[in-house]
Amino acid sequence: MRYIPNEVAITTQSVLDGMRITHAYYHSTDGIWEFFPDQEWDYDDLRLVAMEEIVNKDYRLLDVILKMTEQKAAIYDKDKQRWVIVPYSYND
């Protein structure tokens, strides 16, 4: 994938407030990145931010973003303290 600092991404207010990002998704059909914490959220909690703001929350995400391909997601493995890229299929 590519990293464009001012590209729009979707996240939650709780991430902006400091909660760790644990799930990252790229939707190739619309070119949207999503970054979520390991907690339930609702649509009222969603926020649009620049990718740069996401990478500033966890600099290791930059490496994940560059390695991601279509039909993949990244999940933060708390036990190993690292990001793992896994298969992912998005169905509307």
C-alpha atoms as a PDB file:
ATOM      1  CA  MET A   1       0.000   0.000   0.000  1.00  0.00           C
ATOM      2  CA  ARG A   2       0.972   3.610   0.151  1.00  0.00           C
ATOM      3  CA  TYR A   3       1.226   6.210   2.879  1.00  0.00           C
ATOM      4  CA  ILE A   4      -0.114   9.683   2.142  1.00  0.00           C
ATOM      5  CA  PRO A   5       0.039  11.813   5.319  1.00  0.00           C
ATOM      6  CA  ASN A   6      -3.005  13.960   4.509  1.00  0.00           C
ATOM      7  CA  GLU A   7      -5.171  11.078   3.236  1.00  0.00           C
ATOM      8  CA  VAL A   8      -8.435  10.681   5.186  1.00  0.00           C
ATOM      9  CA  ALA A   9      -8.906   7.756   7.575  1.00  0.00           C
ATOM     10  CA  ILE A  10     -11.733   6.707   9.865  1.00  0.00           C
ATOM     11  CA  THR A  11     -11.164   6.144  13.578  1.00  0.00           C
ATOM     12  CA  THR A  12     -13.008   6.659  16.849  1.00  0.00           C
ATOM     13  CA  GLN A  13     -13.032   9.437  19.412  1.00  0.00           C
ATOM     14  CA  SER A  14     -11.609   7.004  21.965  1.00  0.00           C
ATOM     15  CA  VAL A  15      -8.530   6.491  19.758  1.00  0.00           C
ATOM     16  CA  LEU A  16      -8.112  10.255  19.495  1.00  0.00           C
ATOM     17  CA  ASP A  17      -8.405  10.407  23.288  1.00  0.00           C
ATOM     18  CA  GLY A  18      -5.490   7.977  23.666  1.00  0.00           C
ATOM     19  CA  MET A  19      -6.887   4.450  23.449  1.00  0.00           C
ATOM     20  CA  ARG A  20      -4.581   2.037  21.610  1.00  0.00           C
ATOM     21  CA  ILE A  21      -5.397   1.169  18.005  1.00  0.00           C
ATOM     22  CA  THR A  22      -5.711  -2.620  17.739  1.00  0.00           C
ATOM     23  CA  HIS A  23      -7.367  -3.121  14.337  1.00  0.00           C
ATOM     24  CA  ALA A  24      -6.465  -1.612  10.953  1.00  0.00           C
ATOM     25  CA  TYR A  25      -8.368  -2.198   7.719  1.00  0.00           C
ATOM     26  CA  TYR A  26      -8.029  -0.956   4.161  1.00  0.00           C
ATOM     27  CA  HIS A  27     -11.097  -1.059   1.933  1.00  0.00           C
ATOM     28  CA  SER A  28      -9.863  -1.211  -1.638  1.00  0.00           C
ATOM     29  CA  THR A  29     -13.300  -0.581  -3.124  1.00  0.00           C
ATOM     30  CA  ASP A  30     -13.432   2.959  -1.733  1.00  0.00           C
ATOM     31  CA  GLY A  31      -9.798   3.529  -0.706  1.00  0.00           C
ATOM     32  CA  ILE A  32     -10.657   4.136   2.944  1.00  0.00           C
ATOM     33  CA  TRP A  33      -8.476   3.169   5.894  1.00  0.00           C
ATOM     34  CA  GLU A  34     -10.101   2.354   9.249  1.00  0.00           C
ATOM     35  CA  PHE A  35      -8.326   2.221  12.619  1.00  0.00           C
ATOM     36  CA  PHE A  36     -10.191   0.967  15.682  1.00  0.00           C
ATOM     37  CA  PRO A  37      -9.532   0.176  19.351  1.00  0.00           C
ATOM     38  CA  ASP A  38     -10.278  -3.132  21.040  1.00  0.00           C
ATOM     39  CA  GLN A  39     -13.600  -1.990  22.409  1.00  0.00           C
ATOM     40  CA  GLU A  40     -17.129  -1.630  21.154  1.00  0.00           C
ATOM     41  CA  TRP A  41     -18.018   1.639  19.447  1.00  0.00           C
ATOM     42  CA  ASP A  42     -21.004   3.097  17.671  1.00  0.00           C
ATOM     43  CA  TYR A  43     -21.315   5.250  14.571  1.00  0.00           C
ATOM     44  CA  ASP A  44     -21.622   8.446  16.617  1.00  0.00           C
ATOM     45  CA  ASP A  45     -18.068   7.784  17.872  1.00  0.00           C
ATOM     46  CA  LEU A  46     -16.512   7.761  14.368  1.00  0.00           C
ATOM     47  CA  ARG A  47     -14.168  10.577  13.314  1.00  0.00           C
ATOM     48  CA  LEU A  48     -12.351  11.511  10.109  1.00  0.00           C
ATOM     49  CA  VAL A  49      -8.655  12.251  10.548  1.00  0.00           C
ATOM     50  CA  ALA A  50      -5.506  12.524   8.461  1.00  0.00           C
ATOM     51  CA  MET A  51      -3.370   9.373   8.190  1.00  0.00           C
ATOM     52  CA  GLU A  52      -0.523  11.355   9.719  1.00  0.00           C
ATOM     53  CA  GLU A  53      -2.508  11.658  12.953  1.00  0.00           C
ATOM     54  CA  ILE A  54      -2.957   7.867  13.046  1.00  0.00           C
ATOM     55  CA  VAL A  55       0.743   7.185  12.468  1.00  0.00           C
ATOM     56  CA  ASN A  56       1.598   9.693  15.196  1.00  0.00           C
ATOM     57  CA  LYS A  57      -0.490   7.578  17.622  1.00  0.00           C
ATOM     58  CA  ASP A  58       1.589   4.449  16.860  1.00  0.00           C
ATOM     59  CA  TYR A  59       4.605   4.869  14.587  1.00  0.00           C
ATOM     60  CA  ARG A  60       4.711   1.071  14.021  1.00  0.00           C
ATOM     61  CA  LEU A  61       1.541   1.449  11.971  1.00  0.00           C
ATOM     62  CA  LEU A  62       3.554   3.048   9.173  1.00  0.00           C
ATOM     63  CA  ASP A  63       5.320  -0.265   8.542  1.00  0.00           C
ATOM     64  CA  VAL A  64       1.972  -2.081   8.693  1.00  0.00           C
ATOM     65  CA  ILE A  65       0.384   0.342   6.217  1.00  0.00           C
ATOM     66  CA  LEU A  66       3.224  -0.131   3.748  1.00  0.00           C
ATOM     67  CA  LYS A  67       3.021  -3.950   4.005  1.00  0.00           C
ATOM     68  CA  MET A  68      -0.757  -4.264   3.748  1.00  0.00           C
ATOM     69  CA  THR A  69      -2.312  -5.628   0.587  1.00  0.00           C
ATOM     70  CA  GLU A  70      -5.917  -5.987  -0.514  1.00  0.00           C
ATOM     71  CA  GLN A  71      -8.024  -8.450   1.474  1.00  0.00           C
ATOM     72  CA  LYS A  72      -5.791  -8.053   4.539  1.00  0.00           C
ATOM     73  CA  ALA A  73      -6.217  -6.497   7.958  1.00  0.00           C
ATOM     74  CA  ALA A  74      -3.753  -5.791  10.742  1.00  0.00           C
ATOM     75  CA  ILE A  75      -4.444  -6.851  14.316  1.00  0.00           C
ATOM     76  CA  TYR A  76      -2.296  -5.853  17.276  1.00  0.00           C
ATOM     77  CA  ASP A  77      -1.148  -8.965  19.155  1.00  0.00           C
ATOM     78  CA  LYS A  78      -0.977  -7.820  22.776  1.00  0.00           C
ATOM     79  CA  ASP A  79       0.940 -10.907  23.941  1.00  0.00           C
ATOM     80  CA  LYS A  80       3.699 -10.516  21.351  1.00  0.00           C
ATOM     81  CA  GLN A  81       3.419  -6.722  21.316  1.00  0.00           C
ATOM     82  CA  ARG A  82       3.478  -6.506  17.541  1.00  0.00           C
ATOM     83  CA  TRP A  83       1.189  -6.028  14.559  1.00  0.00           C
ATOM     84  CA  VAL A  84       0.114  -9.134  12.609  1.00  0.00           C
ATOM     85  CA  ILE A  85      -1.326  -8.973   9.099  1.00  0.00           C
ATOM     86  CA  VAL A  86      -4.195 -11.433   8.587  1.00  0.00           C
ATOM     87  CA  PRO A  87      -6.646 -12.322   5.783  1.00  0.00           C
ATOM     88  CA  TYR A  88      -9.751 -10.159   5.738  1.00  0.00           C
ATOM     89  CA  SER A  89     -12.826  -9.983   3.563  1.00  0.00           C
ATOM     90  CA  TYR A  90     -15.138  -6.986   3.660  1.00  0.00           C
ATOM     91  CA  ASN A  91     -18.768  -7.629   2.795  1.00  0.00           C
ATOM     92  CA  ASP A  92     -21.286  -4.800   2.630  1.00  0.00           C
END
